[in-house]
């Protein structure tokens, strides 16, 4: 289903997207309970590599830690129903009423994700682009793209120990900054 079809199916004429804050490490519980109540949710995810006890582990985590998007008609569905959902802390509000998230923003995020909500890698990099290494031993390093091979290996320049070093990484290991 295309993004616009999803938005048209679940996004009625008076419905809007809102940002809901969920309790720590309970994004799956919150999303499941909102879906059970008939709400449309969107939780963008990305792969994150962390170093723990001398080893690198890759996990799929929310792109916006602590938050997910919920679509509903504020007049018809009642936002207090979302606020009282198990796993949800609150709906982000400015003042006493929830603040809608611009539809363009949600639509663009959905276009950058697959069906499960996982962020897709940027397709093309150009020499000179700034990138962040997101997987492997150089995770969290900022680098500059030097060249791209035919087999989608990206050669980047990164500053290590006070000097520029040329390192080869796969396109899936970097994301644009």
C-alpha atoms as a PDB file:
ATOM      1  CA  UNK A   1       0.000   0.000   0.000  1.00  0.00           C
ATOM      2  CA  UNK A   2       1.410   3.406  -0.973  1.00  0.00           C
ATOM      3  CA  UNK A   3       1.833   6.143   1.638  1.00  0.00           C
ATOM      4  CA  UNK A   4      -0.967   8.265   0.197  1.00  0.00           C
ATOM      5  CA  UNK A   5      -3.282   5.228   0.157  1.00  0.00           C
ATOM      6  CA  UNK A   6      -2.492   4.607   3.819  1.00  0.00           C
ATOM      7  CA  UNK A   7      -3.167   8.223   4.679  1.00  0.00           C
ATOM      8  CA  UNK A   8      -6.425   8.229   2.693  1.00  0.00           C
ATOM      9  CA  UNK A   9      -7.585   4.958   4.288  1.00  0.00           C
ATOM     10  CA  UNK A  10      -6.940   5.906   7.887  1.00  0.00           C
ATOM     11  CA  UNK A  11      -6.919   9.650   7.685  1.00  0.00           C
ATOM     12  CA  UNK A  12     -10.501  10.904   7.464  1.00  0.00           C
ATOM     13  CA  UNK A  13     -11.338  14.473   6.512  1.00  0.00           C
ATOM     14  CA  UNK A  14     -11.257  15.660  10.142  1.00  0.00           C
ATOM     15  CA  UNK A  15      -8.514  13.342  11.424  1.00  0.00           C
ATOM     16  CA  UNK A  16      -4.954  14.479  12.088  1.00  0.00           C
ATOM     17  CA  UNK A  17      -1.662  12.990  13.276  1.00  0.00           C
ATOM     18  CA  UNK A  18      -0.532  13.623  16.842  1.00  0.00           C
ATOM     19  CA  UNK A  19       2.599  12.762  18.782  1.00  0.00           C
ATOM     20  CA  UNK A  20       2.156  10.461  21.778  1.00  0.00           C
ATOM     21  CA  UNK A  21       4.824   9.924  24.396  1.00  0.00           C
ATOM     22  CA  UNK A  22       5.139   6.327  25.560  1.00  0.00           C
ATOM     23  CA  UNK A  23       6.600   4.946  28.771  1.00  0.00           C
ATOM     24  CA  UNK A  24      10.261   3.828  28.746  1.00  0.00           C
ATOM     25  CA  UNK A  25      10.856   0.683  26.645  1.00  0.00           C
ATOM     26  CA  UNK A  26       7.131   0.157  26.053  1.00  0.00           C
ATOM     27  CA  UNK A  27       6.737   1.242  22.423  1.00  0.00           C
ATOM     28  CA  UNK A  28       5.487  -2.211  21.386  1.00  0.00           C
ATOM     29  CA  UNK A  29       2.928  -2.331  24.214  1.00  0.00           C
ATOM     30  CA  UNK A  30       1.687   1.193  23.497  1.00  0.00           C
ATOM     31  CA  UNK A  31       1.445   0.582  19.743  1.00  0.00           C
ATOM     32  CA  UNK A  32      -0.374  -2.745  20.210  1.00  0.00           C
ATOM     33  CA  UNK A  33      -2.909  -1.232  22.617  1.00  0.00           C
ATOM     34  CA  UNK A  34      -3.605   1.768  20.356  1.00  0.00           C
ATOM     35  CA  UNK A  35      -4.151  -0.526  17.362  1.00  0.00           C
ATOM     36  CA  UNK A  36      -6.526  -2.695  19.438  1.00  0.00           C
ATOM     37  CA  UNK A  37      -8.604   0.424  20.085  1.00  0.00           C
ATOM     38  CA  UNK A  38      -8.792   1.181  16.356  1.00  0.00           C
ATOM     39  CA  UNK A  39      -6.209   3.962  16.136  1.00  0.00           C
ATOM     40  CA  UNK A  40      -3.745   4.192  13.269  1.00  0.00           C
ATOM     41  CA  UNK A  41      -0.150   4.415  14.538  1.00  0.00           C
ATOM     42  CA  UNK A  42       3.194   5.071  12.925  1.00  0.00           C
ATOM     43  CA  UNK A  43       6.431   4.267  14.727  1.00  0.00           C
ATOM     44  CA  UNK A  44       9.521   4.975  12.584  1.00  0.00           C
ATOM     45  CA  UNK A  45      12.420   2.676  13.488  1.00  0.00           C
ATOM     46  CA  UNK A  46      16.126   2.561  12.652  1.00  0.00           C
ATOM     47  CA  UNK A  47      19.044   0.226  13.291  1.00  0.00           C
ATOM     48  CA  UNK A  48      21.420   1.399  15.961  1.00  0.00           C
ATOM     49  CA  UNK A  49      24.810  -0.071  16.825  1.00  0.00           C
ATOM     50  CA  UNK A  50      26.031   0.278  20.374  1.00  0.00           C
ATOM     51  CA  UNK A  51      29.099  -0.911  22.170  1.00  0.00           C
ATOM     52  CA  UNK A  52      28.389  -2.972  25.278  1.00  0.00           C
ATOM     53  CA  UNK A  53      30.985  -4.927  27.253  1.00  0.00           C
ATOM     54  CA  UNK A  54      33.511  -4.671  24.436  1.00  0.00           C
ATOM     55  CA  UNK A  55      31.113  -5.989  21.768  1.00  0.00           C
ATOM     56  CA  UNK A  56      29.021  -4.238  19.169  1.00  0.00           C
ATOM     57  CA  UNK A  57      25.305  -5.016  19.102  1.00  0.00           C
ATOM     58  CA  UNK A  58      22.823  -3.838  16.518  1.00  0.00           C
ATOM     59  CA  UNK A  59      19.259  -3.252  17.619  1.00  0.00           C
ATOM     60  CA  UNK A  60      16.171  -1.806  15.985  1.00  0.00           C
ATOM     61  CA  UNK A  61      15.046   1.207  18.012  1.00  0.00           C
ATOM     62  CA  UNK A  62      12.516   4.018  17.590  1.00  0.00           C
ATOM     63  CA  UNK A  63      13.809   6.892  15.459  1.00  0.00           C
ATOM     64  CA  UNK A  64      12.333   9.333  17.989  1.00  0.00           C
ATOM     65  CA  UNK A  65      12.970   7.665  21.360  1.00  0.00           C
ATOM     66  CA  UNK A  66       9.900   7.859  23.558  1.00  0.00           C
ATOM     67  CA  UNK A  67       7.442   8.999  20.871  1.00  0.00           C
ATOM     68  CA  UNK A  68       5.097   7.550  18.240  1.00  0.00           C
ATOM     69  CA  UNK A  69       2.555   9.078  15.871  1.00  0.00           C
ATOM     70  CA  UNK A  70      -1.196   8.460  16.315  1.00  0.00           C
ATOM     71  CA  UNK A  71      -3.929   9.463  13.847  1.00  0.00           C
ATOM     72  CA  UNK A  72      -7.411  10.300  15.081  1.00  0.00           C
ATOM     73  CA  UNK A  73     -10.248  12.793  14.826  1.00  0.00           C
ATOM     74  CA  UNK A  74      -9.945  14.968  17.912  1.00  0.00           C
ATOM     75  CA  UNK A  75     -13.716  15.641  17.990  1.00  0.00           C
ATOM     76  CA  UNK A  76     -14.954  12.115  17.213  1.00  0.00           C
ATOM     77  CA  UNK A  77     -12.422   9.785  18.875  1.00  0.00           C
ATOM     78  CA  UNK A  78     -11.573  11.821  21.923  1.00  0.00           C
ATOM     79  CA  UNK A  79      -7.922  12.261  22.709  1.00  0.00           C
ATOM     80  CA  UNK A  80      -8.352  11.319  26.347  1.00  0.00           C
ATOM     81  CA  UNK A  81      -8.860   7.728  25.183  1.00  0.00           C
ATOM     82  CA  UNK A  82      -5.323   7.799  23.744  1.00  0.00           C
ATOM     83  CA  UNK A  83      -3.965   9.477  26.888  1.00  0.00           C
ATOM     84  CA  UNK A  84      -5.350   6.684  29.080  1.00  0.00           C
ATOM     85  CA  UNK A  85      -4.005   3.854  26.898  1.00  0.00           C
ATOM     86  CA  UNK A  86      -1.720   1.426  28.712  1.00  0.00           C
ATOM     87  CA  UNK A  87       1.865   2.218  27.701  1.00  0.00           C
ATOM     88  CA  UNK A  88       1.161   5.856  26.781  1.00  0.00           C
ATOM     89  CA  UNK A  89       2.294   8.646  29.105  1.00  0.00           C
ATOM     90  CA  UNK A  90       0.597  11.558  27.341  1.00  0.00           C
ATOM     91  CA  UNK A  91      -0.170  13.246  24.027  1.00  0.00           C
ATOM     92  CA  UNK A  92       2.150  16.140  23.258  1.00  0.00           C
ATOM     93  CA  UNK A  93       0.199  19.360  23.776  1.00  0.00           C
ATOM     94  CA  UNK A  94       0.780  23.081  23.678  1.00  0.00           C
ATOM     95  CA  UNK A  95      -1.698  24.391  26.175  1.00  0.00           C
ATOM     96  CA  UNK A  96      -4.604  22.155  27.113  1.00  0.00           C
ATOM     97  CA  UNK A  97      -5.370  20.632  23.674  1.00  0.00           C
ATOM     98  CA  UNK A  98      -3.157  18.205  21.721  1.00  0.00           C
ATOM     99  CA  UNK A  99      -1.067  19.755  18.950  1.00  0.00           C
ATOM    100  CA  UNK A 100      -1.350  18.119  15.517  1.00  0.00           C
ATOM    101  CA  UNK A 101       1.815  17.192  13.631  1.00  0.00           C
ATOM    102  CA  UNK A 102       1.966  18.565  10.052  1.00  0.00           C
ATOM    103  CA  UNK A 103       0.674  15.947   7.601  1.00  0.00           C
ATOM    104  CA  UNK A 104       3.607  16.670   5.263  1.00  0.00           C
ATOM    105  CA  UNK A 105       6.087  15.645   7.945  1.00  0.00           C
ATOM    106  CA  UNK A 106       4.353  12.327   8.656  1.00  0.00           C
ATOM    107  CA  UNK A 107       3.934  11.626   4.929  1.00  0.00           C
ATOM    108  CA  UNK A 108       7.626  12.249   4.212  1.00  0.00           C
ATOM    109  CA  UNK A 109       8.669  10.033   7.124  1.00  0.00           C
ATOM    110  CA  UNK A 110       6.387   7.241   5.871  1.00  0.00           C
ATOM    111  CA  UNK A 111       7.936   7.490   2.406  1.00  0.00           C
ATOM    112  CA  UNK A 112      11.400   6.962   3.933  1.00  0.00           C
ATOM    113  CA  UNK A 113      10.268   3.787   5.787  1.00  0.00           C
ATOM    114  CA  UNK A 114       9.376   0.246   4.749  1.00  0.00           C
ATOM    115  CA  UNK A 115       6.105  -1.539   5.676  1.00  0.00           C
ATOM    116  CA  UNK A 116       7.348  -2.335   9.197  1.00  0.00           C
ATOM    117  CA  UNK A 117       8.272   1.307   9.778  1.00  0.00           C
ATOM    118  CA  UNK A 118      12.033   0.766   9.517  1.00  0.00           C
ATOM    119  CA  UNK A 119      13.918   3.691   8.015  1.00  0.00           C
ATOM    120  CA  UNK A 120      15.317   2.869   4.582  1.00  0.00           C
ATOM    121  CA  UNK A 121      18.890   3.867   3.813  1.00  0.00           C
ATOM    122  CA  UNK A 122      19.502   6.866   1.598  1.00  0.00           C
ATOM    123  CA  UNK A 123      19.919   5.526  -1.921  1.00  0.00           C
ATOM    124  CA  UNK A 124      22.664   7.694  -3.292  1.00  0.00           C
ATOM    125  CA  UNK A 125      25.618   9.487  -1.802  1.00  0.00           C
ATOM    126  CA  UNK A 126      27.852  11.894  -3.668  1.00  0.00           C
ATOM    127  CA  UNK A 127      31.518  12.624  -3.035  1.00  0.00           C
ATOM    128  CA  UNK A 128      31.759  15.388  -0.452  1.00  0.00           C
ATOM    129  CA  UNK A 129      28.550  14.421   1.400  1.00  0.00           C
ATOM    130  CA  UNK A 130      28.783  14.331   5.190  1.00  0.00           C
ATOM    131  CA  UNK A 131      27.642  10.989   6.624  1.00  0.00           C
ATOM    132  CA  UNK A 132      27.412   9.296   9.997  1.00  0.00           C
ATOM    133  CA  UNK A 133      28.576   5.716  10.367  1.00  0.00           C
ATOM    134  CA  UNK A 134      25.706   3.870  12.090  1.00  0.00           C
ATOM    135  CA  UNK A 135      27.003   0.270  12.177  1.00  0.00           C
ATOM    136  CA  UNK A 136      30.268  -1.472  12.869  1.00  0.00           C
ATOM    137  CA  UNK A 137      33.360  -0.475  14.809  1.00  0.00           C
ATOM    138  CA  UNK A 138      33.196   3.131  13.590  1.00  0.00           C
ATOM    139  CA  UNK A 139      29.592   3.663  14.725  1.00  0.00           C
ATOM    140  CA  UNK A 140      28.818   7.295  15.648  1.00  0.00           C
ATOM    141  CA  UNK A 141      31.781   8.648  13.655  1.00  0.00           C
ATOM    142  CA  UNK A 142      31.132  11.503  11.220  1.00  0.00           C
ATOM    143  CA  UNK A 143      32.860  11.114   7.854  1.00  0.00           C
ATOM    144  CA  UNK A 144      32.991  12.603   4.361  1.00  0.00           C
ATOM    145  CA  UNK A 145      32.211  10.488   1.281  1.00  0.00           C
ATOM    146  CA  UNK A 146      35.240  10.262  -0.991  1.00  0.00           C
ATOM    147  CA  UNK A 147      33.978   7.821  -3.639  1.00  0.00           C
ATOM    148  CA  UNK A 148      31.500   4.993  -4.276  1.00  0.00           C
ATOM    149  CA  UNK A 149      32.434   1.679  -5.923  1.00  0.00           C
ATOM    150  CA  UNK A 150      30.228  -0.247  -8.329  1.00  0.00           C
ATOM    151  CA  UNK A 151      29.497  -2.842  -5.622  1.00  0.00           C
ATOM    152  CA  UNK A 152      28.001  -0.081  -3.388  1.00  0.00           C
ATOM    153  CA  UNK A 153      31.050   0.149  -1.126  1.00  0.00           C
ATOM    154  CA  UNK A 154      31.408   3.697   0.111  1.00  0.00           C
ATOM    155  CA  UNK A 155      34.893   5.061   0.664  1.00  0.00           C
ATOM    156  CA  UNK A 156      34.814   7.689   3.396  1.00  0.00           C
ATOM    157  CA  UNK A 157      37.390   9.944   4.978  1.00  0.00           C
ATOM    158  CA  UNK A 158      37.220  10.121   8.748  1.00  0.00           C
ATOM    159  CA  UNK A 159      39.439  11.770  11.278  1.00  0.00           C
ATOM    160  CA  UNK A 160      41.098   9.173  13.461  1.00  0.00           C
ATOM    161  CA  UNK A 161      44.015   9.961  15.782  1.00  0.00           C
ATOM    162  CA  UNK A 162      44.451  13.449  14.359  1.00  0.00           C
ATOM    163  CA  UNK A 163      44.659  12.463  10.699  1.00  0.00           C
ATOM    164  CA  UNK A 164      42.333  11.807   7.752  1.00  0.00           C
ATOM    165  CA  UNK A 165      41.996   8.075   7.107  1.00  0.00           C
ATOM    166  CA  UNK A 166      40.293   6.399   4.158  1.00  0.00           C
ATOM    167  CA  UNK A 167      37.872   3.661   5.238  1.00  0.00           C
ATOM    168  CA  UNK A 168      35.584   1.411   3.174  1.00  0.00           C
ATOM    169  CA  UNK A 169      32.043   0.795   4.482  1.00  0.00           C
ATOM    170  CA  UNK A 170      28.864  -0.591   2.927  1.00  0.00           C
ATOM    171  CA  UNK A 171      26.106   1.867   1.966  1.00  0.00           C
ATOM    172  CA  UNK A 172      23.881   0.352   4.697  1.00  0.00           C
ATOM    173  CA  UNK A 173      26.419   1.356   7.350  1.00  0.00           C
ATOM    174  CA  UNK A 174      26.107   5.105   6.758  1.00  0.00           C
ATOM    175  CA  UNK A 175      23.370   7.697   6.747  1.00  0.00           C
ATOM    176  CA  UNK A 176      23.346  11.310   5.650  1.00  0.00           C
ATOM    177  CA  UNK A 177      23.901  13.907   8.335  1.00  0.00           C
END
